[in-house]
Structure formats: structure tokens, C-alpha cells
């Protein structure tokens, strides 16, 4: 097995180290043990860079979500062969399954401090944002707007209201806004993952902000751009979410785990729940 990966596991706290060795050893296949070690070591390197204050025994599904989203978006800079290159969904799913296996084993042996697999009730997935999280996020977006960061505030408001993808938000233009009698844009249209055109109501606080952005754009130009005029992307949106969360009073550790995909999952889940209740 790679010496650097072995050294990494050997450097874990004693209880976690013993658990990792036992988990690796329970599989009789050498290839499977090598895969387990490689995936665990990759995750631990990411955790050390992204959450240096979090020990391996303190990991939750939120950390796994952040790791997987970073892998899908090309945000992994350590623990991978090609830093910055997005990984295939199937690859990420396999990595998550391996890591879930380790933490389930660790929980059963008393080495993990959070239950695995985590309990969920019939109405709440703990990976989704709570109502309080979203309230604080909206308050934070308003504070960003008050500080002159209009594009970030609008992006967060639209992510919260529509669950749009980063690509859909990046592609918005004046032609996608529809006004009502007051003259303010009240509807935004964008294409979903299947290419269908979908209309969403624009949150009231975001309407005057969109008016301000619209006055600075020509037909066909993107509504949302960075300060230097470049198109927005997942990384920019993730930073906007984090800044809004911090401005709204969400703890830093939680704020830095927020991701456009997480907000999309929350919005879609709540929409489906409303349709079935």
C-alpha cells in the first residue's frame, strides 16, 4: 500500500487509528483494502485542508456532502491525482459509499462521535438547510445588498427561491425577466436540467436589486457577473452563499459548508413535500 497513505492513517489519534486498521483488515481482498485506504486517505487530506479543526472522529454527513460536492465541482486540490479536475458522479458515489462504510464501522465500534448512518425522521433530511438556516441566509443576502454587493445578494436570493443550477443563473439575461404593473421584474424564466423553460416568482426583496442590475446590462449580456465582469460559476456562488450565511449569523463552520447543490436539494425537496401534503 502507498507509504504516504499508511503514514497518514498511522498519524491518526490512537482510537481512530485502531478503528481504521480494523476496518481495512476486515476485507480479505487486497485490492479492496487498497481502495479503502486510498479513499480514506484522500478524504482525510481534504478534511485537514478544509476543516483543520475537525478530527476524523467528529465527521458528519455534512462534511461528506461538502467533500462530494467539491469532488463533482473540481474543488479538490489535495488527495487526488489531478487537482481541480471534476470527478465523475459514479466515482464520487463510490467514494461516498466507502467513507460511509468506514464511519458506520467506527460508530458501531464506538470510535465515531456521531451516529452512522444518521437518523432521519419522515419529514427532514439533516443534509438539507433548516428553516432557520434559510431565514438567516435571506437576512445575510439583504446585508450584502446594503453593502453594495448586489450581484451576490441577487444570486443568493434566486438560489433560495428557485433551486437553480449554477449554469442557469450564469446564463440569465434581461430577456429572462418579466415585469408586472409596478415595472419591477416579478418573474424569472430559466431552463431546467431537461431543457424545459420554467418560470419562477422573484422574491420581493430581490426585485429592486434586479432593477439595479438590469439598468447596467445590455440585451444579451449576463445579469450576474463578477466584479471584473467575468461570468459567475459554482465557486463564485459558493463564496456568495458563505458570505451571506456569515452576514446572517450562521456559524462559520456551517457557513463554509454551504453549497449551491445543497440549496438546490433543499428547495426541490420542500417543493415536492408541499405538493404531496
Protein backbone atom coordinates (compact mmCIF):
# COMPACT_ATOMS: atom_id res chain seq x y z
CA UNK A 1 0.00 0.00 0.00
CA UNK A 2 1.22 3.58 -0.65
CA UNK A 3 3.55 4.60 2.17
CA UNK A 4 2.18 8.14 2.42
CA UNK A 5 -1.37 6.82 2.91
CA UNK A 6 -0.19 4.35 5.54
CA UNK A 7 1.68 7.10 7.37
CA UNK A 8 -1.42 9.28 7.31
CA UNK A 9 -3.53 6.60 8.98
CA UNK A 10 -0.73 5.84 11.44
CA UNK A 11 -0.80 9.51 12.45
CA UNK A 12 -4.46 9.44 13.49
CA UNK A 13 -5.41 9.53 17.19
CA UNK A 14 -4.92 6.03 18.68
CA UNK A 15 -8.58 5.00 18.84
CA UNK A 16 -9.32 6.22 15.32
CA UNK A 17 -6.12 4.57 14.05
CA UNK A 18 -7.08 1.21 15.56
CA UNK A 19 -10.55 1.50 14.08
CA UNK A 20 -9.22 2.34 10.62
CA UNK A 21 -6.84 -0.64 10.70
CA UNK A 22 -9.63 -2.98 11.81
CA UNK A 23 -11.92 -1.65 9.08
CA UNK A 24 -9.23 -2.11 6.44
CA UNK A 25 -8.42 -5.59 7.68
CA UNK A 26 -11.98 -6.90 7.66
CA UNK A 27 -11.88 -7.16 3.85
CA UNK A 28 -9.96 -10.21 2.63
CA UNK A 29 -9.33 -8.73 -0.82
CA UNK A 30 -6.03 -6.85 -1.10
CA UNK A 31 -7.40 -4.70 -3.93
CA UNK A 32 -10.43 -3.76 -1.82
CA UNK A 33 -8.19 -2.85 1.13
CA UNK A 34 -6.05 -0.70 -1.14
CA UNK A 35 -9.14 1.08 -2.46
CA UNK A 36 -10.43 1.66 1.05
CA UNK A 37 -7.12 3.10 2.18
CA UNK A 38 -6.81 5.37 -0.86
CA UNK A 39 -10.34 6.77 -0.44
CA UNK A 40 -9.98 7.27 3.31
CA UNK A 41 -6.59 8.94 2.93
CA UNK A 42 -7.91 11.23 0.18
CA UNK A 43 -10.82 12.29 2.37
CA UNK A 44 -8.60 12.86 5.41
CA UNK A 45 -6.27 15.09 3.38
CA UNK A 46 -9.25 17.12 2.18
CA UNK A 47 -10.61 17.35 5.73
CA UNK A 48 -7.26 18.57 7.03
CA UNK A 49 -7.20 21.34 4.44
CA UNK A 50 -10.88 22.31 4.51
CA UNK A 51 -11.67 21.77 8.20
CA UNK A 52 -8.37 21.71 10.11
CA UNK A 53 -10.15 21.90 13.47
CA UNK A 54 -12.34 18.85 12.78
CA UNK A 55 -10.96 15.48 13.85
CA UNK A 56 -11.74 12.36 11.84
CA UNK A 57 -13.96 11.07 14.66
CA UNK A 58 -16.11 14.24 14.51
CA UNK A 59 -17.06 13.96 10.83
CA UNK A 60 -20.77 14.18 9.96
CA UNK A 61 -22.74 13.71 6.75
CA UNK A 62 -22.41 17.46 6.20
CA UNK A 63 -18.66 17.01 5.76
CA UNK A 64 -19.21 14.11 3.37
CA UNK A 65 -21.67 16.25 1.40
CA UNK A 66 -19.12 19.06 1.13
CA UNK A 67 -16.37 16.64 0.08
CA UNK A 68 -18.54 15.04 -2.61
CA UNK A 69 -19.77 18.37 -3.93
CA UNK A 70 -16.18 19.62 -4.10
CA UNK A 71 -15.20 16.47 -6.00
CA UNK A 72 -18.03 16.94 -8.50
CA UNK A 73 -17.22 20.63 -8.99
CA UNK A 74 -13.48 20.19 -9.37
CA UNK A 75 -12.82 21.75 -5.99
CA UNK A 76 -10.46 19.08 -4.63
CA UNK A 77 -6.88 20.31 -4.50
CA UNK A 78 -5.41 17.61 -2.23
CA UNK A 79 -5.78 13.84 -2.14
CA UNK A 80 -6.48 13.43 -5.87
CA UNK A 81 -4.30 12.68 -8.88
CA UNK A 82 -5.48 15.69 -10.85
CA UNK A 83 -6.22 18.66 -8.53
CA UNK A 84 -9.02 20.89 -9.76
CA UNK A 85 -10.46 18.34 -12.17
CA UNK A 86 -14.13 17.37 -11.59
CA UNK A 87 -14.72 13.70 -10.82
CA UNK A 88 -17.47 11.62 -12.43
CA UNK A 89 -20.64 11.14 -10.42
CA UNK A 90 -20.14 7.38 -10.37
CA UNK A 91 -16.64 7.83 -8.95
CA UNK A 92 -17.86 10.21 -6.28
CA UNK A 93 -20.72 7.84 -5.38
CA UNK A 94 -18.22 5.01 -4.88
CA UNK A 95 -16.03 7.21 -2.68
CA UNK A 96 -19.01 8.20 -0.57
CA UNK A 97 -20.05 4.56 -0.15
CA UNK A 98 -16.55 3.66 1.07
CA UNK A 99 -16.46 6.55 3.53
CA UNK A 100 -19.96 5.74 4.80
CA UNK A 101 -18.79 2.18 5.35
CA UNK A 102 -15.87 3.40 7.45
CA UNK A 103 -17.97 5.72 9.60
CA UNK A 104 -20.68 3.12 10.10
CA UNK A 105 -17.96 0.72 11.28
CA UNK A 106 -16.48 3.44 13.51
CA UNK A 107 -19.87 4.19 15.07
CA UNK A 108 -20.54 0.54 15.82
CA UNK A 109 -17.14 0.19 17.49
CA UNK A 110 -17.50 3.41 19.48
CA UNK A 111 -14.85 5.42 17.63
CA UNK A 112 -17.18 7.90 15.88
CA UNK A 113 -18.82 10.69 17.87
CA UNK A 114 -21.85 10.99 15.56
CA UNK A 115 -24.33 8.25 14.76
CA UNK A 116 -23.87 6.41 11.45
CA UNK A 117 -25.93 6.05 9.49
CA UNK A 118 -27.57 9.19 10.91
CA UNK A 119 -31.17 9.03 11.99
CA UNK A 120 -33.73 10.85 9.91
CA UNK A 121 -37.40 11.37 10.52
CA UNK A 122 -40.12 11.19 7.91
CA UNK A 123 -40.06 14.90 7.14
CA UNK A 124 -36.48 16.04 7.49
CA UNK A 125 -33.18 15.18 5.83
CA UNK A 126 -30.34 16.51 8.02
CA UNK A 127 -28.27 17.30 4.92
CA UNK A 128 -30.80 19.98 3.95
CA UNK A 129 -30.88 23.53 5.24
CA UNK A 130 -33.26 24.19 8.11
CA UNK A 131 -35.89 26.93 8.01
CA UNK A 132 -33.75 28.92 10.41
CA UNK A 133 -30.71 28.49 8.14
CA UNK A 134 -32.69 29.85 5.20
CA UNK A 135 -34.10 32.76 7.19
CA UNK A 136 -30.59 33.74 8.23
CA UNK A 137 -29.37 33.31 4.67
CA UNK A 138 -32.02 35.75 3.42
CA UNK A 139 -31.11 38.23 6.12
CA UNK A 140 -27.48 37.89 5.16
CA UNK A 141 -28.27 38.48 1.47
CA UNK A 142 -30.02 41.72 2.45
CA UNK A 143 -26.90 42.78 4.34
CA UNK A 144 -24.74 42.02 1.30
CA UNK A 145 -27.04 44.21 -0.80
CA UNK A 146 -26.82 47.02 1.76
CA UNK A 147 -23.04 46.77 1.47
CA UNK A 148 -23.14 47.23 -2.29
CA UNK A 149 -22.74 43.57 -3.25
CA UNK A 150 -25.85 43.49 -5.42
CA UNK A 151 -24.90 40.60 -7.69
CA UNK A 152 -24.11 38.28 -4.76
CA UNK A 153 -27.33 39.25 -2.98
CA UNK A 154 -29.42 38.56 -6.09
CA UNK A 155 -27.66 35.24 -6.70
CA UNK A 156 -28.34 34.04 -3.16
CA UNK A 157 -31.98 35.18 -3.36
CA UNK A 158 -32.53 33.34 -6.65
CA UNK A 159 -30.76 30.20 -5.41
CA UNK A 160 -33.00 30.22 -2.36
CA UNK A 161 -36.18 30.84 -4.35
CA UNK A 162 -35.63 28.64 -7.38
CA UNK A 163 -33.02 26.00 -6.61
CA UNK A 164 -31.47 26.88 -9.96
CA UNK A 165 -28.22 25.39 -11.19
CA UNK A 166 -25.08 27.50 -11.43
CA UNK A 167 -25.26 27.29 -15.23
CA UNK A 168 -28.86 28.54 -15.28
CA UNK A 169 -28.02 31.54 -13.10
CA UNK A 170 -24.90 32.35 -15.11
CA UNK A 171 -26.98 32.38 -18.29
CA UNK A 172 -29.66 34.83 -17.11
CA UNK A 173 -30.16 37.95 -19.25
CA UNK A 174 -32.65 40.84 -19.44
CA UNK A 175 -34.84 38.69 -21.69
CA UNK A 176 -35.42 36.28 -18.79
CA UNK A 177 -37.05 38.91 -16.55
CA UNK A 178 -40.75 39.72 -16.76
CA UNK A 179 -42.24 42.80 -15.15
CA UNK A 180 -45.66 43.46 -13.62
CA UNK A 181 -47.68 46.64 -13.33
CA UNK A 182 -45.18 48.29 -10.96
CA UNK A 183 -42.42 47.92 -13.52
CA UNK A 184 -40.29 45.76 -11.27
CA UNK A 185 -39.35 42.27 -12.51
CA UNK A 186 -41.64 39.76 -10.82
CA UNK A 187 -40.97 36.58 -12.83
CA UNK A 188 -37.74 34.99 -13.96
CA UNK A 189 -37.58 32.22 -16.54
CA UNK A 190 -34.79 29.69 -16.93
CA UNK A 191 -34.21 26.25 -18.39
CA UNK A 192 -34.22 23.21 -16.13
CA UNK A 193 -31.99 20.14 -16.43
CA UNK A 194 -34.22 18.71 -19.21
CA UNK A 195 -34.11 21.93 -21.21
CA UNK A 196 -37.69 22.91 -20.40
CA UNK A 197 -38.43 26.58 -19.75
CA UNK A 198 -39.66 27.15 -16.19
CA UNK A 199 -41.00 30.36 -14.62
CA UNK A 200 -40.36 31.33 -11.00
CA UNK A 201 -41.64 34.26 -8.92
CA UNK A 202 -38.84 36.61 -7.89
CA UNK A 203 -38.67 37.24 -4.12
CA UNK A 204 -39.92 40.73 -3.34
CA UNK A 205 -36.65 41.93 -1.71
CA UNK A 206 -34.71 40.92 -4.83
CA UNK A 207 -36.87 42.86 -7.29
CA UNK A 208 -35.35 46.34 -6.82
CA UNK A 209 -31.90 44.76 -6.83
CA UNK A 210 -32.63 43.16 -10.20
CA UNK A 211 -33.82 46.54 -11.43
CA UNK A 212 -30.44 47.98 -10.50
CA UNK A 213 -28.60 45.18 -12.28
CA UNK A 214 -30.83 45.46 -15.33
CA UNK A 215 -30.06 49.16 -15.71
CA UNK A 216 -26.37 48.27 -16.10
CA UNK A 217 -26.83 45.49 -18.68
CA UNK A 218 -27.44 45.47 -22.40
CA UNK A 219 -29.65 42.94 -24.15
CA UNK A 220 -27.98 39.55 -24.21
CA UNK A 221 -25.43 40.37 -21.50
CA UNK A 222 -25.36 38.17 -18.37
CA UNK A 223 -27.21 39.69 -15.43
CA UNK A 224 -24.89 38.12 -12.88
CA UNK A 225 -21.18 38.77 -13.29
CA UNK A 226 -18.16 39.05 -11.03
CA UNK A 227 -16.73 42.43 -10.12
CA UNK A 228 -14.32 42.20 -13.07
CA UNK A 229 -17.11 41.30 -15.50
CA UNK A 230 -16.27 37.60 -15.84
CA UNK A 231 -19.12 35.04 -15.73
CA UNK A 232 -20.12 33.57 -12.38
CA UNK A 233 -19.52 29.90 -11.63
CA UNK A 234 -20.06 27.36 -8.85
CA UNK A 235 -17.07 28.61 -6.86
CA UNK A 236 -18.29 32.22 -7.00
CA UNK A 237 -21.80 31.16 -5.97
CA UNK A 238 -20.41 29.07 -3.12
CA UNK A 239 -18.48 32.09 -1.84
CA UNK A 240 -21.59 34.26 -2.14
CA UNK A 241 -23.57 31.74 -0.09
CA UNK A 242 -20.87 31.58 2.57
CA UNK A 243 -20.64 35.37 2.82
CA UNK A 244 -24.42 35.72 3.06
CA UNK A 245 -24.58 32.99 5.69
CA UNK A 246 -21.89 34.67 7.79
CA UNK A 247 -23.63 38.04 7.42
CA UNK A 248 -26.85 36.39 8.59
CA UNK A 249 -25.26 34.94 11.71
CA UNK A 250 -24.76 31.31 10.65
CA UNK A 251 -21.64 29.88 12.37
CA UNK A 252 -18.55 29.90 10.17
CA UNK A 253 -18.09 26.12 10.14
CA UNK A 254 -21.65 25.65 8.90
CA UNK A 255 -21.48 28.65 6.53
CA UNK A 256 -18.39 27.34 4.79
CA UNK A 257 -20.11 24.04 4.07
CA UNK A 258 -22.98 25.66 2.18
CA UNK A 259 -23.09 24.87 -1.50
CA UNK A 260 -25.42 25.69 -4.45
CA UNK A 261 -26.21 21.97 -4.81
CA UNK A 262 -27.23 21.79 -1.14
CA UNK A 263 -29.60 24.74 -1.57
CA UNK A 264 -30.98 23.21 -4.74
CA UNK A 265 -31.66 19.95 -2.91
CA UNK A 266 -33.43 21.81 -0.11
CA UNK A 267 -35.63 23.80 -2.49
CA UNK A 268 -36.61 20.80 -4.60
CA UNK A 269 -37.31 18.65 -1.52
CA UNK A 270 -39.54 21.30 0.05
CA UNK A 271 -41.38 21.80 -3.26
CA UNK A 272 -42.09 18.07 -3.54
CA UNK A 273 -43.16 17.95 0.09
CA UNK A 274 -45.61 20.83 -0.43
CA UNK A 275 -47.06 19.06 -3.48
CA UNK A 276 -47.75 15.88 -1.52
CA UNK A 277 -49.16 17.40 1.70
